Amino acid sequence: MGNVKKNEKTIEQQAIGSAYIPPHKFKANFLDYYDEYVEKNKRDGNRHLSNSFAQFKEFLKKDFISPIEVTENLCKEFRCYWLDEYTGETPGGYFTRFK
């Protein structure tokens, strides 16, 4: 198993700066990637990241979105969604974590 991880790291290093996404890093569903990212980056007392994920799923109203569908325009629409739903610093804090 050690060689597998070593080989994955080598492929990751070689892919830097290219459009290639190593298969072990690629998730067909962006929501799976986002969920894994939230789990790996949780901080006690900070719920912005997990809430941004929950709000993104609510905004999409579906359980699957391919990475190629996550465009600049979709992100802008999501930001507008937050601005329409919340007031104060909440939209900015959530969007910062989403970015």
PDB file of N, CA and C in Angstrom:
ATOM      1  N   MET A   1       0.830  -1.205   0.000  1.00  0.00           N
ATOM      2  CA  MET A   1       0.000   0.000   0.000  1.00  0.00           C
ATOM      3  C   MET A   1       0.869   1.262   0.000  1.00  0.00           C
ATOM      4  N   GLY A   2       2.039   1.190   0.601  1.00  0.00           N
ATOM      5  CA  GLY A   2       2.933   2.338   0.668  1.00  0.00           C
ATOM      6  C   GLY A   2       3.351   2.821  -0.703  1.00  0.00           C
ATOM      7  N   ASN A   3       3.598   1.877  -1.631  1.00  0.00           N
ATOM      8  CA  ASN A   3       3.988   2.254  -2.986  1.00  0.00           C
ATOM      9  C   ASN A   3       2.873   2.986  -3.717  1.00  0.00           C
ATOM     10  N   VAL A   4       1.638   2.612  -3.443  1.00  0.00           N
ATOM     11  CA  VAL A   4       0.500   3.275  -4.084  1.00  0.00           C
ATOM     12  C   VAL A   4       0.487   4.752  -3.702  1.00  0.00           C
ATOM     13  N   LYS A   5       0.601   5.038  -2.411  1.00  0.00           N
ATOM     14  CA  LYS A   5       0.588   6.442  -1.953  1.00  0.00           C
ATOM     15  C   LYS A   5       1.781   7.203  -2.521  1.00  0.00           C
ATOM     16  N   LYS A   6       2.939   6.560  -2.547  1.00  0.00           N
ATOM     17  CA  LYS A   6       4.146   7.196  -3.087  1.00  0.00           C
ATOM     18  C   LYS A   6       3.950   7.530  -4.567  1.00  0.00           C
ATOM     19  N   ASN A   7       3.396   6.588  -5.312  1.00  0.00           N
ATOM     20  CA  ASN A   7       3.144   6.818  -6.736  1.00  0.00           C
ATOM     21  C   ASN A   7       2.104   7.912  -6.967  1.00  0.00           C
ATOM     22  N   GLU A   8       1.072   7.950  -6.110  1.00  0.00           N
ATOM     23  CA  GLU A   8       0.057   9.001  -6.221  1.00  0.00           C
ATOM     24  C   GLU A   8       0.685  10.372  -5.996  1.00  0.00           C
ATOM     25  N   LYS A   9       1.558  10.476  -5.002  1.00  0.00           N
ATOM     26  CA  LYS A   9       2.236  11.752  -4.721  1.00  0.00           C
ATOM     27  C   LYS A   9       3.112  12.172  -5.902  1.00  0.00           C
ATOM     28  N   THR A  10       3.800  11.219  -6.507  1.00  0.00           N
ATOM     29  CA  THR A  10       4.647  11.515  -7.664  1.00  0.00           C
ATOM     30  C   THR A  10       3.806  12.055  -8.813  1.00  0.00           C
ATOM     31  N   ILE A  11       2.678  11.408  -9.072  1.00  0.00           N
ATOM     32  CA  ILE A  11       1.779  11.854 -10.150  1.00  0.00           C
ATOM     33  C   ILE A  11       1.247  13.251  -9.850  1.00  0.00           C
ATOM     34  N   GLU A  12       0.882  13.511  -8.594  1.00  0.00           N
ATOM     35  CA  GLU A  12       0.384  14.837  -8.202  1.00  0.00           C
ATOM     36  C   GLU A  12       1.431  15.897  -8.492  1.00  0.00           C
ATOM     37  N   GLN A  13       2.679  15.630  -8.099  1.00  0.00           N
ATOM     38  CA  GLN A  13       3.762  16.602  -8.313  1.00  0.00           C
ATOM     39  C   GLN A  13       3.983  16.864  -9.797  1.00  0.00           C
ATOM     40  N   GLN A  14       3.925  15.818 -10.601  1.00  0.00           N
ATOM     41  CA  GLN A  14       4.138  15.971 -12.033  1.00  0.00           C
ATOM     42  C   GLN A  14       2.982  16.691 -12.715  1.00  0.00           C
ATOM     43  N   ALA A  15       1.806  16.627 -12.133  1.00  0.00           N
ATOM     44  CA  ALA A  15       0.627  17.251 -12.738  1.00  0.00           C
ATOM     45  C   ALA A  15       0.517  18.738 -12.433  1.00  0.00           C
ATOM     46  N   ILE A  16       1.291  19.227 -11.476  1.00  0.00           N
ATOM     47  CA  ILE A  16       1.210  20.647 -11.111  1.00  0.00           C
ATOM     48  C   ILE A  16       1.486  21.519 -12.330  1.00  0.00           C
ATOM     49  N   GLY A  17       0.613  22.466 -12.561  1.00  0.00           N
ATOM     50  CA  GLY A  17       0.752  23.392 -13.686  1.00  0.00           C
ATOM     51  C   GLY A  17       0.166  22.877 -14.991  1.00  0.00           C
ATOM     52  N   SER A  18      -0.375  21.676 -14.960  1.00  0.00           N
ATOM     53  CA  SER A  18      -0.991  21.130 -16.165  1.00  0.00           C
ATOM     54  C   SER A  18      -2.497  21.015 -15.952  1.00  0.00           C
ATOM     55  N   ALA A  19      -3.197  20.660 -17.012  1.00  0.00           N
ATOM     56  CA  ALA A  19      -4.654  20.486 -16.907  1.00  0.00           C
ATOM     57  C   ALA A  19      -5.011  19.080 -16.436  1.00  0.00           C
ATOM     58  N   TYR A  20      -4.018  18.226 -16.260  1.00  0.00           N
ATOM     59  CA  TYR A  20      -4.255  16.837 -15.870  1.00  0.00           C
ATOM     60  C   TYR A  20      -4.669  16.731 -14.410  1.00  0.00           C
ATOM     61  N   ILE A  21      -5.725  15.988 -14.161  1.00  0.00           N
ATOM     62  CA  ILE A  21      -6.175  15.713 -12.799  1.00  0.00           C
ATOM     63  C   ILE A  21      -5.953  14.224 -12.548  1.00  0.00           C
ATOM     64  N   PRO A  22      -5.066  13.889 -11.599  1.00  0.00           N
ATOM     65  CA  PRO A  22      -4.828  12.472 -11.324  1.00  0.00           C
ATOM     66  C   PRO A  22      -6.131  11.768 -10.934  1.00  0.00           C
ATOM     67  N   PRO A  23      -6.331  10.548 -11.433  1.00  0.00           N
ATOM     68  CA  PRO A  23      -7.581   9.819 -11.164  1.00  0.00           C
ATOM     69  C   PRO A  23      -7.915   9.679  -9.676  1.00  0.00           C
ATOM     70  N   HIS A  24      -6.908   9.540  -8.824  1.00  0.00           N
ATOM     71  CA  HIS A  24      -7.171   9.389  -7.395  1.00  0.00           C
ATOM     72  C   HIS A  24      -7.629  10.697  -6.756  1.00  0.00           C
ATOM     73  N   LYS A  25      -7.474  11.812  -7.461  1.00  0.00           N
ATOM     74  CA  LYS A  25      -7.928  13.108  -6.962  1.00  0.00           C
ATOM     75  C   LYS A  25      -9.260  13.528  -7.562  1.00  0.00           C
ATOM     76  N   PHE A  26      -9.594  12.975  -8.690  1.00  0.00           N
ATOM     77  CA  PHE A  26     -10.782  13.391  -9.421  1.00  0.00           C
ATOM     78  C   PHE A  26     -12.044  12.766  -8.833  1.00  0.00           C
ATOM     79  N   LYS A  27     -13.030  13.590  -8.632  1.00  0.00           N
ATOM     80  CA  LYS A  27     -14.347  13.134  -8.201  1.00  0.00           C
ATOM     81  C   LYS A  27     -15.321  13.496  -9.319  1.00  0.00           C
ATOM     82  N   ALA A  28     -16.086  12.525  -9.789  1.00  0.00           N
ATOM     83  CA  ALA A  28     -17.044  12.772 -10.868  1.00  0.00           C
ATOM     84  C   ALA A  28     -18.143  13.733 -10.428  1.00  0.00           C
ATOM     85  N   ASN A  29     -18.455  13.721  -9.124  1.00  0.00           N
ATOM     86  CA  ASN A  29     -19.477  14.599  -8.567  1.00  0.00           C
ATOM     87  C   ASN A  29     -18.772  15.654  -7.723  1.00  0.00           C
ATOM     88  N   PHE A  30     -18.896  16.922  -8.107  1.00  0.00           N
ATOM     89  CA  PHE A  30     -18.252  17.996  -7.359  1.00  0.00           C
ATOM     90  C   PHE A  30     -18.707  18.015  -5.901  1.00  0.00           C
ATOM     91  N   LEU A  31     -19.943  17.618  -5.649  1.00  0.00           N
ATOM     92  CA  LEU A  31     -20.452  17.612  -4.276  1.00  0.00           C
ATOM     93  C   LEU A  31     -19.692  16.616  -3.404  1.00  0.00           C
ATOM     94  N   ASP A  32     -19.239  15.503  -3.981  1.00  0.00           N
ATOM     95  CA  ASP A  32     -18.411  14.555  -3.226  1.00  0.00           C
ATOM     96  C   ASP A  32     -17.084  15.185  -2.850  1.00  0.00           C
ATOM     97  N   TYR A  33     -16.487  15.894  -3.809  1.00  0.00           N
ATOM     98  CA  TYR A  33     -15.234  16.597  -3.539  1.00  0.00           C
ATOM     99  C   TYR A  33     -15.432  17.651  -2.441  1.00  0.00           C
ATOM    100  N   TYR A  34     -16.464  18.442  -2.572  1.00  0.00           N
ATOM    101  CA  TYR A  34     -16.742  19.524  -1.623  1.00  0.00           C
ATOM    102  C   TYR A  34     -16.975  18.945  -0.224  1.00  0.00           C
ATOM    103  N   ASP A  35     -17.747  17.869  -0.132  1.00  0.00           N
ATOM    104  CA  ASP A  35     -18.012  17.227   1.153  1.00  0.00           C
ATOM    105  C   ASP A  35     -16.719  16.723   1.790  1.00  0.00           C
ATOM    106  N   GLU A  36     -15.877  16.086   1.006  1.00  0.00           N
ATOM    107  CA  GLU A  36     -14.593  15.591   1.518  1.00  0.00           C
ATOM    108  C   GLU A  36     -13.719  16.759   1.988  1.00  0.00           C
ATOM    109  N   TYR A  37     -13.723  17.849   1.227  1.00  0.00           N
ATOM    110  CA  TYR A  37     -12.947  19.034   1.602  1.00  0.00           C
ATOM    111  C   TYR A  37     -13.426  19.598   2.937  1.00  0.00           C
ATOM    112  N   VAL A  38     -14.730  19.677   3.113  1.00  0.00           N
ATOM    113  CA  VAL A  38     -15.306  20.172   4.372  1.00  0.00           C
ATOM    114  C   VAL A  38     -14.865  19.294   5.534  1.00  0.00           C
ATOM    115  N   GLU A  39     -14.943  17.979   5.355  1.00  0.00           N
ATOM    116  CA  GLU A  39     -14.563  17.049   6.422  1.00  0.00           C
ATOM    117  C   GLU A  39     -13.095  17.188   6.799  1.00  0.00           C
ATOM    118  N   LYS A  40     -12.241  17.383   5.822  1.00  0.00           N
ATOM    119  CA  LYS A  40     -10.799  17.475   6.074  1.00  0.00           C
ATOM    120  C   LYS A  40     -10.388  18.820   6.652  1.00  0.00           C
ATOM    121  N   ASN A  41     -11.219  19.844   6.503  1.00  0.00           N
ATOM    122  CA  ASN A  41     -10.837  21.198   6.908  1.00  0.00           C
ATOM    123  C   ASN A  41     -11.727  21.790   7.990  1.00  0.00           C
ATOM    124  N   LYS A  42     -12.416  20.937   8.733  1.00  0.00           N
ATOM    125  CA  LYS A  42     -13.276  21.413   9.823  1.00  0.00           C
ATOM    126  C   LYS A  42     -12.437  22.075  10.910  1.00  0.00           C
ATOM    127  N   ARG A  43     -13.019  23.097  11.516  1.00  0.00           N
ATOM    128  CA  ARG A  43     -12.397  23.757  12.668  1.00  0.00           C
ATOM    129  C   ARG A  43     -13.457  23.900  13.748  1.00  0.00           C
ATOM    130  N   ASP A  44     -13.057  23.652  14.969  1.00  0.00           N
ATOM    131  CA  ASP A  44     -13.994  23.810  16.081  1.00  0.00           C
ATOM    132  C   ASP A  44     -14.489  25.252  16.147  1.00  0.00           C
ATOM    133  N   GLY A  45     -15.774  25.408  16.327  1.00  0.00           N
ATOM    134  CA  GLY A  45     -16.365  26.733  16.481  1.00  0.00           C
ATOM    135  C   GLY A  45     -16.557  27.482  15.180  1.00  0.00           C
ATOM    136  N   ASN A  46     -16.183  26.902  14.044  1.00  0.00           N
ATOM    137  CA  ASN A  46     -16.350  27.588  12.772  1.00  0.00           C
ATOM    138  C   ASN A  46     -17.229  26.726  11.873  1.00  0.00           C
ATOM    139  N   ARG A  47     -18.436  27.177  11.672  1.00  0.00           N
ATOM    140  CA  ARG A  47     -19.381  26.409  10.869  1.00  0.00           C
ATOM    141  C   ARG A  47     -19.586  26.982   9.468  1.00  0.00           C
ATOM    142  N   HIS A  48     -18.830  28.021   9.107  1.00  0.00           N
ATOM    143  CA  HIS A  48     -19.000  28.640   7.794  1.00  0.00           C
ATOM    144  C   HIS A  48     -18.768  27.654   6.652  1.00  0.00           C
ATOM    145  N   LEU A  49     -17.745  26.840   6.768  1.00  0.00           N
ATOM    146  CA  LEU A  49     -17.422  25.920   5.684  1.00  0.00           C
ATOM    147  C   LEU A  49     -18.512  24.875   5.507  1.00  0.00           C
ATOM    148  N   SER A  50     -18.932  24.255   6.595  1.00  0.00           N
ATOM    149  CA  SER A  50     -19.977  23.229   6.485  1.00  0.00           C
ATOM    150  C   SER A  50     -21.312  23.855   6.062  1.00  0.00           C
ATOM    151  N   ASN A  51     -21.601  25.050   6.536  1.00  0.00           N
ATOM    152  CA  ASN A  51     -22.842  25.722   6.134  1.00  0.00           C
ATOM    153  C   ASN A  51     -22.797  26.144   4.664  1.00  0.00           C
ATOM    154  N   SER A  52     -21.626  26.531   4.182  1.00  0.00           N
ATOM    155  CA  SER A  52     -21.532  26.900   2.762  1.00  0.00           C
ATOM    156  C   SER A  52     -21.822  25.682   1.886  1.00  0.00           C
ATOM    157  N   PHE A  53     -21.361  24.503   2.322  1.00  0.00           N
ATOM    158  CA  PHE A  53     -21.644  23.269   1.583  1.00  0.00           C
ATOM    159  C   PHE A  53     -23.147  22.971   1.596  1.00  0.00           C
ATOM    160  N   ALA A  54     -23.764  23.066   2.763  1.00  0.00           N
ATOM    161  CA  ALA A  54     -25.201  22.800   2.882  1.00  0.00           C
ATOM    162  C   ALA A  54     -26.004  23.782   2.021  1.00  0.00           C
ATOM    163  N   GLN A  55     -25.609  25.051   2.035  1.00  0.00           N
ATOM    164  CA  GLN A  55     -26.312  26.060   1.236  1.00  0.00           C
ATOM    165  C   GLN A  55     -26.106  25.834  -0.258  1.00  0.00           C
ATOM    166  N   PHE A  56     -24.925  25.375  -0.647  1.00  0.00           N
ATOM    167  CA  PHE A  56     -24.660  25.104  -2.057  1.00  0.00           C
ATOM    168  C   PHE A  56     -25.562  23.978  -2.552  1.00  0.00           C
ATOM    169  N   LYS A  57     -25.713  22.929  -1.745  1.00  0.00           N
ATOM    170  CA  LYS A  57     -26.601  21.827  -2.111  1.00  0.00           C
ATOM    171  C   LYS A  57     -28.048  22.308  -2.209  1.00  0.00           C
ATOM    172  N   GLU A  58     -28.456  23.163  -1.278  1.00  0.00           N
ATOM    173  CA  GLU A  58     -29.822  23.701  -1.314  1.00  0.00           C
ATOM    174  C   GLU A  58     -30.023  24.575  -2.555  1.00  0.00           C
ATOM    175  N   PHE A  59     -29.025  25.371  -2.871  1.00  0.00           N
ATOM    176  CA  PHE A  59     -29.072  26.242  -4.050  1.00  0.00           C
ATOM    177  C   PHE A  59     -29.199  25.415  -5.331  1.00  0.00           C
ATOM    178  N   LEU A  60     -28.444  24.334  -5.431  1.00  0.00           N
ATOM    179  CA  LEU A  60     -28.456  23.504  -6.638  1.00  0.00           C
ATOM    180  C   LEU A  60     -29.759  22.740  -6.823  1.00  0.00           C
ATOM    181  N   LYS A  61     -30.337  22.291  -5.711  1.00  0.00           N
ATOM    182  CA  LYS A  61     -31.555  21.475  -5.737  1.00  0.00           C
ATOM    183  C   LYS A  61     -31.361  20.170  -6.516  1.00  0.00           C
ATOM    184  N   LYS A  62     -30.141  19.627  -6.435  1.00  0.00           N
ATOM    185  CA  LYS A  62     -29.853  18.326  -7.032  1.00  0.00           C
ATOM    186  C   LYS A  62     -28.663  17.703  -6.301  1.00  0.00           C
ATOM    187  N   ASP A  63     -28.485  16.404  -6.496  1.00  0.00           N
ATOM    188  CA  ASP A  63     -27.450  15.666  -5.776  1.00  0.00           C
ATOM    189  C   ASP A  63     -26.191  15.430  -6.589  1.00  0.00           C
ATOM    190  N   PHE A  64     -26.173  15.897  -7.812  1.00  0.00           N
ATOM    191  CA  PHE A  64     -25.007  15.679  -8.656  1.00  0.00           C
ATOM    192  C   PHE A  64     -24.726  16.919  -9.485  1.00  0.00           C
ATOM    193  N   ILE A  65     -23.446  17.299  -9.511  1.00  0.00           N
ATOM    194  CA  ILE A  65     -22.990  18.346 -10.425  1.00  0.00           C
ATOM    195  C   ILE A  65     -21.558  17.988 -10.811  1.00  0.00           C
ATOM    196  N   SER A  66     -21.297  17.928 -12.097  1.00  0.00           N
ATOM    197  CA  SER A  66     -19.952  17.580 -12.548  1.00  0.00           C
ATOM    198  C   SER A  66     -19.029  18.784 -12.337  1.00  0.00           C
ATOM    199  N   PRO A  67     -17.744  18.551 -12.152  1.00  0.00           N
ATOM    200  CA  PRO A  67     -16.819  19.665 -11.935  1.00  0.00           C
ATOM    201  C   PRO A  67     -16.847  20.708 -13.049  1.00  0.00           C
ATOM    202  N   ILE A  68     -17.073  20.272 -14.274  1.00  0.00           N
ATOM    203  CA  ILE A  68     -17.084  21.211 -15.397  1.00  0.00           C
ATOM    204  C   ILE A  68     -18.280  22.161 -15.348  1.00  0.00           C
ATOM    205  N   GLU A  69     -19.321  21.769 -14.619  1.00  0.00           N
ATOM    206  CA  GLU A  69     -20.505  22.623 -14.484  1.00  0.00           C
ATOM    207  C   GLU A  69     -20.310  23.738 -13.457  1.00  0.00           C
ATOM    208  N   VAL A  70     -19.269  23.641 -12.648  1.00  0.00           N
ATOM    209  CA  VAL A  70     -19.003  24.673 -11.642  1.00  0.00           C
ATOM    210  C   VAL A  70     -18.225  25.789 -12.331  1.00  0.00           C
ATOM    211  N   THR A  71     -18.969  26.700 -12.899  1.00  0.00           N
ATOM    212  CA  THR A  71     -18.403  27.795 -13.682  1.00  0.00           C
ATOM    213  C   THR A  71     -18.403  29.090 -12.877  1.00  0.00           C
ATOM    214  N   GLU A  72     -17.767  30.084 -13.432  1.00  0.00           N
ATOM    215  CA  GLU A  72     -17.761  31.408 -12.802  1.00  0.00           C
ATOM    216  C   GLU A  72     -19.192  31.939 -12.688  1.00  0.00           C
ATOM    217  N   ASN A  73     -19.991  31.739 -13.711  1.00  0.00           N
ATOM    218  CA  ASN A  73     -21.380  32.216 -13.678  1.00  0.00           C
ATOM    219  C   ASN A  73     -22.191  31.515 -12.587  1.00  0.00           C
ATOM    220  N   LEU A  74     -22.001  30.194 -12.435  1.00  0.00           N
ATOM    221  CA  LEU A  74     -22.706  29.476 -11.375  1.00  0.00           C
ATOM    222  C   LEU A  74     -22.318  30.044 -10.013  1.00  0.00           C
ATOM    223  N   CYS A  75     -21.033  30.327  -9.829  1.00  0.00           N
ATOM    224  CA  CYS A  75     -20.570  30.886  -8.556  1.00  0.00           C
ATOM    225  C   CYS A  75     -21.169  32.270  -8.308  1.00  0.00           C
ATOM    226  N   LYS A  76     -21.286  33.073  -9.351  1.00  0.00           N
ATOM    227  CA  LYS A  76     -21.907  34.397  -9.218  1.00  0.00           C
ATOM    228  C   LYS A  76     -23.389  34.272  -8.849  1.00  0.00           C
ATOM    229  N   GLU A  77     -24.069  33.299  -9.476  1.00  0.00           N
ATOM    230  CA  GLU A  77     -25.479  33.068  -9.148  1.00  0.00           C
ATOM    231  C   GLU A  77     -25.623  32.621  -7.693  1.00  0.00           C
ATOM    232  N   PHE A  78     -24.696  31.797  -7.242  1.00  0.00           N
ATOM    233  CA  PHE A  78     -24.714  31.321  -5.863  1.00  0.00           C
ATOM    234  C   PHE A  78     -24.497  32.483  -4.894  1.00  0.00           C
ATOM    235  N   ARG A  79     -23.602  33.374  -5.240  1.00  0.00           N
ATOM    236  CA  ARG A  79     -23.360  34.557  -4.401  1.00  0.00           C
ATOM    237  C   ARG A  79     -24.626  35.417  -4.323  1.00  0.00           C
ATOM    238  N   CYS A  80     -25.289  35.617  -5.443  1.00  0.00           N
ATOM    239  CA  CYS A  80     -26.547  36.382  -5.459  1.00  0.00           C
ATOM    240  C   CYS A  80     -27.609  35.687  -4.611  1.00  0.00           C
ATOM    241  N   TYR A  81     -27.651  34.370  -4.690  1.00  0.00           N
ATOM    242  CA  TYR A  81     -28.577  33.586  -3.860  1.00  0.00           C
ATOM    243  C   TYR A  81     -28.354  33.912  -2.387  1.00  0.00           C
ATOM    244  N   TRP A  82     -27.106  33.919  -1.953  1.00  0.00           N
ATOM    245  CA  TRP A  82     -26.802  34.244  -0.554  1.00  0.00           C
ATOM    246  C   TRP A  82     -27.205  35.670  -0.206  1.00  0.00           C
ATOM    247  N   LEU A  83     -26.917  36.595  -1.107  1.00  0.00           N
ATOM    248  CA  LEU A  83     -27.250  37.991  -0.832  1.00  0.00           C
ATOM    249  C   LEU A  83     -28.756  38.191  -0.724  1.00  0.00           C
ATOM    250  N   ASP A  84     -29.527  37.401  -1.466  1.00  0.00           N
ATOM    251  CA  ASP A  84     -30.982  37.482  -1.383  1.00  0.00           C
ATOM    252  C   ASP A  84     -31.530  36.813  -0.124  1.00  0.00           C
ATOM    253  N   GLU A  85     -30.841  35.783   0.374  1.00  0.00           N
ATOM    254  CA  GLU A  85     -31.312  34.996   1.516  1.00  0.00           C
ATOM    255  C   GLU A  85     -30.874  35.554   2.876  1.00  0.00           C
ATOM    256  N   TYR A  86     -29.714  36.183   2.924  1.00  0.00           N
ATOM    257  CA  TYR A  86     -29.145  36.596   4.214  1.00  0.00           C
ATOM    258  C   TYR A  86     -28.746  38.059   4.201  1.00  0.00           C
ATOM    259  N   THR A  87     -28.566  38.587   5.402  1.00  0.00           N
ATOM    260  CA  THR A  87     -28.138  39.975   5.542  1.00  0.00           C
ATOM    261  C   THR A  87     -26.865  40.013   6.383  1.00  0.00           C
ATOM    262  N   GLY A  88     -26.287  41.193   6.490  1.00  0.00           N
ATOM    263  CA  GLY A  88     -25.105  41.367   7.328  1.00  0.00           C
ATOM    264  C   GLY A  88     -23.877  40.700   6.739  1.00  0.00           C
ATOM    265  N   GLU A  89     -23.055  40.137   7.618  1.00  0.00           N
ATOM    266  CA  GLU A  89     -21.791  39.534   7.205  1.00  0.00           C
ATOM    267  C   GLU A  89     -21.925  38.076   6.768  1.00  0.00           C
ATOM    268  N   THR A  90     -23.069  37.478   6.982  1.00  0.00           N
ATOM    269  CA  THR A  90     -23.250  36.056   6.669  1.00  0.00           C
ATOM    270  C   THR A  90     -22.934  35.719   5.210  1.00  0.00           C
ATOM    271  N   PRO A  91     -23.487  36.431   4.215  1.00  0.00           N
ATOM    272  CA  PRO A  91     -23.183  36.068   2.821  1.00  0.00           C
ATOM    273  C   PRO A  91     -21.687  36.148   2.511  1.00  0.00           C
ATOM    274  N   GLY A  92     -21.040  37.166   3.000  1.00  0.00           N
ATOM    275  CA  GLY A  92     -19.605  37.323   2.744  1.00  0.00           C
ATOM    276  C   GLY A  92     -18.787  36.222   3.379  1.00  0.00           C
ATOM    277  N   GLY A  93     -19.116  35.861   4.619  1.00  0.00           N
ATOM    278  CA  GLY A  93     -18.390  34.792   5.309  1.00  0.00           C
ATOM    279  C   GLY A  93     -18.572  33.456   4.639  1.00  0.00           C
ATOM    280  N   TYR A  94     -19.797  33.150   4.234  1.00  0.00           N
ATOM    281  CA  TYR A  94     -20.070  31.886   3.559  1.00  0.00           C
ATOM    282  C   TYR A  94     -19.375  31.842   2.194  1.00  0.00           C
ATOM    283  N   PHE A  95     -19.480  32.929   1.438  1.00  0.00           N
ATOM    284  CA  PHE A  95     -18.890  32.924   0.100  1.00  0.00           C
ATOM    285  C   PHE A  95     -17.378  32.846   0.159  1.00  0.00           C
ATOM    286  N   THR A  96     -16.769  33.473   1.143  1.00  0.00           N
ATOM    287  CA  THR A  96     -15.329  33.386   1.313  1.00  0.00           C
ATOM    288  C   THR A  96     -14.900  31.942   1.499  1.00  0.00           C
ATOM    289  N   ARG A  97     -15.639  31.189   2.302  1.00  0.00           N
ATOM    290  CA  ARG A  97     -15.310  29.768   2.504  1.00  0.00           C
ATOM    291  C   ARG A  97     -15.576  28.963   1.247  1.00  0.00           C
ATOM    292  N   PHE A  98     -16.607  29.324   0.507  1.00  0.00           N
ATOM    293  CA  PHE A  98     -16.943  28.623  -0.721  1.00  0.00           C
ATOM    294  C   PHE A  98     -15.848  28.821  -1.777  1.00  0.00           C
ATOM    295  N   LYS A  99     -15.344  30.025  -1.883  1.00  0.00           N
ATOM    296  CA  LYS A  99     -14.320  30.301  -2.903  1.00  0.00           C
ATOM    297  C   LYS A  99     -13.141  29.397  -2.717  1.00  0.00           C
TER     298      LYS A  99
END
